[in-house]
Amino acid sequence: MKLILILSVLMITAVPLYQFDSKSTDDWQIVDDRVMGGQSYGKFKVNDSGHGLFYGDVSTENNGGFSSLRASAKSEDLSDNKAFILKVKGDGKRYQFRVKTSLSIRHSYIMSFTTSGEWQEIKIPFNKMFASWRGRTLDMPNYDGAAIEEMRFLIGNKKNESFQLEMDWIKVK
């Protein structure tokens, strides 16, 4: 009986949350530091392979320094899961994956990850995603998966740099 339970746990598969495809340009929007006077410039497109491509230049001029890509998520309870799994191919730079539990709140739950230049499946455990607002960690419990209304990728490494992040899918497990 114990062996069957262990095998059942090991065989749990990730559930798709978002699949990037030709219609993704309708779902995702760029938000750069230009909303507060910065000069960073991000872009988003679907490439010839059908993957989402977030790319551009981050500038620290005028107190700037970030570019982000966001999408609304259908409001749902993900608490039966433990982590997001991202299939991405980056440029060796550090990015953040962020979620909001409600569009009416200011803070996000975030976790950073570093890309390798190759396709990777990045695991973002819910219990490692901490609450943050404007770069400050908040004294709140970590993300519990009970709600999600927005997903976001962000680059903001406090330096001027070009970036490119290719995305295939986002799943939960």
Protein backbone atom coordinates (compact mmCIF):
# COMPACT_ATOMS: atom_id res chain seq x y z
CA MET A 1 0.00 0.00 0.00
CA LYS A 2 2.81 2.42 0.87
CA LEU A 3 4.48 1.84 -2.51
CA ILE A 4 1.24 2.63 -4.38
CA LEU A 5 0.89 5.90 -2.48
CA ILE A 6 4.49 6.87 -3.24
CA LEU A 7 4.04 6.07 -6.93
CA SER A 8 0.80 8.08 -7.02
CA VAL A 9 2.55 11.11 -5.56
CA LEU A 10 5.45 10.80 -8.01
CA MET A 11 3.10 10.53 -10.98
CA ILE A 12 1.27 13.81 -10.27
CA THR A 13 1.57 15.86 -13.41
CA ALA A 14 1.72 19.59 -13.78
CA VAL A 15 -1.52 21.29 -14.83
CA PRO A 16 -1.32 23.92 -17.60
CA LEU A 17 -2.05 27.45 -16.45
CA TYR A 18 -0.95 29.31 -19.61
CA GLN A 19 0.32 28.13 -23.01
CA PHE A 20 2.02 30.76 -25.16
CA ASP A 21 0.75 30.76 -28.76
CA SER A 22 -0.15 33.08 -31.63
CA LYS A 23 -2.93 34.71 -29.58
CA SER A 24 -0.68 35.55 -26.63
CA THR A 25 -0.09 39.10 -27.85
CA ASP A 26 -3.72 39.82 -26.89
CA ASP A 27 -3.17 38.56 -23.32
CA TRP A 28 0.14 40.12 -22.28
CA GLN A 29 1.08 43.80 -21.81
CA ILE A 30 4.36 45.60 -21.21
CA VAL A 31 4.74 47.83 -18.15
CA ASP A 32 8.08 49.65 -18.00
CA ASP A 33 9.59 52.15 -15.61
CA ARG A 34 8.44 54.81 -18.10
CA VAL A 35 5.20 54.95 -16.09
CA MET A 36 7.30 56.82 -13.50
CA GLY A 37 9.71 58.71 -15.77
CA GLY A 38 12.27 55.97 -16.54
CA GLN A 39 13.62 55.09 -19.98
CA SER A 40 13.48 51.28 -20.13
CA TYR A 41 11.74 49.80 -23.12
CA GLY A 42 10.35 46.26 -23.23
CA LYS A 43 8.58 44.56 -26.11
CA PHE A 44 6.58 41.37 -26.49
CA LYS A 45 5.84 39.22 -29.51
CA VAL A 46 5.21 35.63 -30.49
CA ASN A 47 8.20 34.32 -32.42
CA ASP A 48 8.23 31.96 -35.42
CA SER A 49 8.40 28.96 -33.06
CA GLY A 50 5.13 30.03 -31.41
CA HIS A 51 6.78 31.01 -28.11
CA GLY A 52 6.29 34.27 -26.26
CA LEU A 53 9.33 36.55 -26.48
CA PHE A 54 9.85 39.33 -23.92
CA TYR A 55 12.82 41.47 -24.91
CA GLY A 56 14.19 45.00 -24.79
CA ASP A 57 16.51 47.31 -22.90
CA VAL A 58 16.58 48.28 -19.23
CA SER A 59 17.90 51.75 -18.43
CA THR A 60 18.67 53.18 -15.02
CA GLU A 61 18.37 56.75 -16.35
CA ASN A 62 15.82 59.02 -14.59
CA ASN A 63 15.62 56.63 -11.61
CA GLY A 64 14.38 53.81 -13.84
CA GLY A 65 15.56 50.26 -14.03
CA PHE A 66 12.84 47.73 -14.84
CA SER A 67 10.68 46.27 -17.55
CA SER A 68 7.84 43.85 -17.01
CA LEU A 69 5.32 41.77 -18.88
CA ARG A 70 1.94 41.07 -17.28
CA ALA A 71 -1.26 39.16 -17.95
CA SER A 72 -4.51 38.84 -16.10
CA ALA A 73 -5.27 35.34 -14.90
CA LYS A 74 -8.72 33.94 -14.43
CA SER A 75 -9.38 34.15 -10.73
CA GLU A 76 -8.93 30.69 -9.30
CA ASP A 77 -7.81 28.78 -6.25
CA LEU A 78 -4.48 27.04 -6.86
CA SER A 79 -3.96 25.93 -3.25
CA ASP A 80 -4.14 22.22 -4.18
CA ASN A 81 -0.77 22.82 -5.86
CA LYS A 82 2.64 23.64 -4.42
CA ALA A 83 4.52 25.43 -7.22
CA PHE A 84 4.52 27.16 -10.57
CA ILE A 85 6.63 25.51 -13.27
CA LEU A 86 7.88 27.84 -16.04
CA LYS A 87 9.34 26.58 -19.29
CA VAL A 88 11.64 29.39 -20.40
CA LYS A 89 14.79 30.06 -22.37
CA GLY A 90 16.62 33.14 -21.20
CA ASP A 91 19.87 34.96 -21.80
CA GLY A 92 21.67 34.07 -18.57
CA LYS A 93 20.12 36.99 -16.71
CA ARG A 94 18.08 37.10 -13.51
CA TYR A 95 14.30 37.62 -13.76
CA GLN A 96 11.38 37.63 -11.35
CA PHE A 97 8.11 35.76 -11.60
CA ARG A 98 5.31 37.62 -9.80
CA VAL A 99 1.67 36.97 -9.02
CA LYS A 100 -1.10 39.08 -7.54
CA THR A 101 -3.98 37.56 -5.64
CA SER A 102 -6.21 40.50 -6.54
CA LEU A 103 -5.94 43.34 -9.03
CA SER A 104 -7.06 45.73 -6.28
CA ILE A 105 -3.97 45.20 -4.10
CA ARG A 106 -0.61 46.89 -4.62
CA HIS A 107 1.78 44.13 -3.55
CA SER A 108 2.87 41.09 -5.51
CA TYR A 109 4.29 37.74 -4.45
CA ILE A 110 7.67 37.31 -6.09
CA MET A 111 10.56 34.91 -6.59
CA SER A 112 13.67 35.44 -8.70
CA PHE A 113 15.21 32.92 -11.06
CA THR A 114 18.30 32.90 -13.24
CA THR A 115 18.26 31.64 -16.79
CA SER A 116 20.98 29.58 -18.45
CA GLY A 117 20.70 30.30 -22.17
CA GLU A 118 19.04 26.90 -22.70
CA TRP A 119 15.44 25.73 -22.28
CA GLN A 120 14.72 25.21 -18.57
CA GLU A 121 11.82 24.18 -16.41
CA ILE A 122 12.01 26.59 -13.50
CA LYS A 123 10.21 25.59 -10.31
CA ILE A 124 8.76 28.47 -8.28
CA PRO A 125 7.48 27.03 -4.96
CA PHE A 126 4.50 28.93 -3.59
CA ASN A 127 5.97 28.99 -0.09
CA LYS A 128 9.13 30.76 -1.38
CA MET A 129 7.17 33.62 -3.03
CA PHE A 130 7.29 36.58 -0.64
CA ALA A 131 5.14 39.71 -0.59
CA SER A 132 6.79 42.81 -2.03
CA TRP A 133 5.83 46.31 -3.10
CA ARG A 134 8.15 48.74 -4.90
CA GLY A 135 11.19 46.64 -4.07
CA ARG A 136 10.42 46.34 -0.38
CA THR A 137 9.74 43.02 1.31
CA LEU A 138 6.53 43.18 3.31
CA ASP A 139 5.92 41.50 6.66
CA MET A 140 3.20 39.17 5.36
CA PRO A 141 2.86 35.41 4.92
CA ASN A 142 4.27 33.95 1.71
CA TYR A 143 1.99 33.05 -1.21
CA ASP A 144 -0.47 30.24 -0.43
CA GLY A 145 -2.05 29.69 -3.84
CA ALA A 146 -5.56 30.54 -2.64
CA ALA A 147 -6.05 33.11 -5.42
CA ILE A 148 -4.40 34.47 -8.57
CA GLU A 149 -5.54 37.34 -10.76
CA GLU A 150 -2.28 38.45 -12.40
CA MET A 151 1.03 36.92 -13.53
CA ARG A 152 4.11 38.96 -14.38
CA PHE A 153 7.70 38.53 -15.54
CA LEU A 154 10.06 41.34 -14.53
CA ILE A 155 13.68 42.23 -15.09
CA GLY A 156 15.25 44.85 -12.83
CA ASN A 157 18.86 44.07 -12.01
CA LYS A 158 19.86 47.67 -11.13
CA LYS A 159 21.96 48.07 -14.27
CA ASN A 160 21.67 49.02 -17.91
CA GLU A 161 21.23 45.88 -20.00
CA SER A 162 19.50 44.32 -22.98
CA PHE A 163 17.41 41.26 -22.26
CA GLN A 164 15.53 38.42 -23.93
CA LEU A 165 13.28 35.82 -22.33
CA GLU A 166 11.49 33.20 -24.44
CA MET A 167 8.51 31.47 -22.81
CA ASP A 168 6.70 28.25 -23.75
CA TRP A 169 4.26 27.64 -20.88
CA ILE A 170 3.34 28.17 -17.23
CA LYS A 171 1.99 25.22 -15.23
CA VAL A 172 1.12 24.49 -11.61
CA LYS A 173 1.98 21.33 -9.71
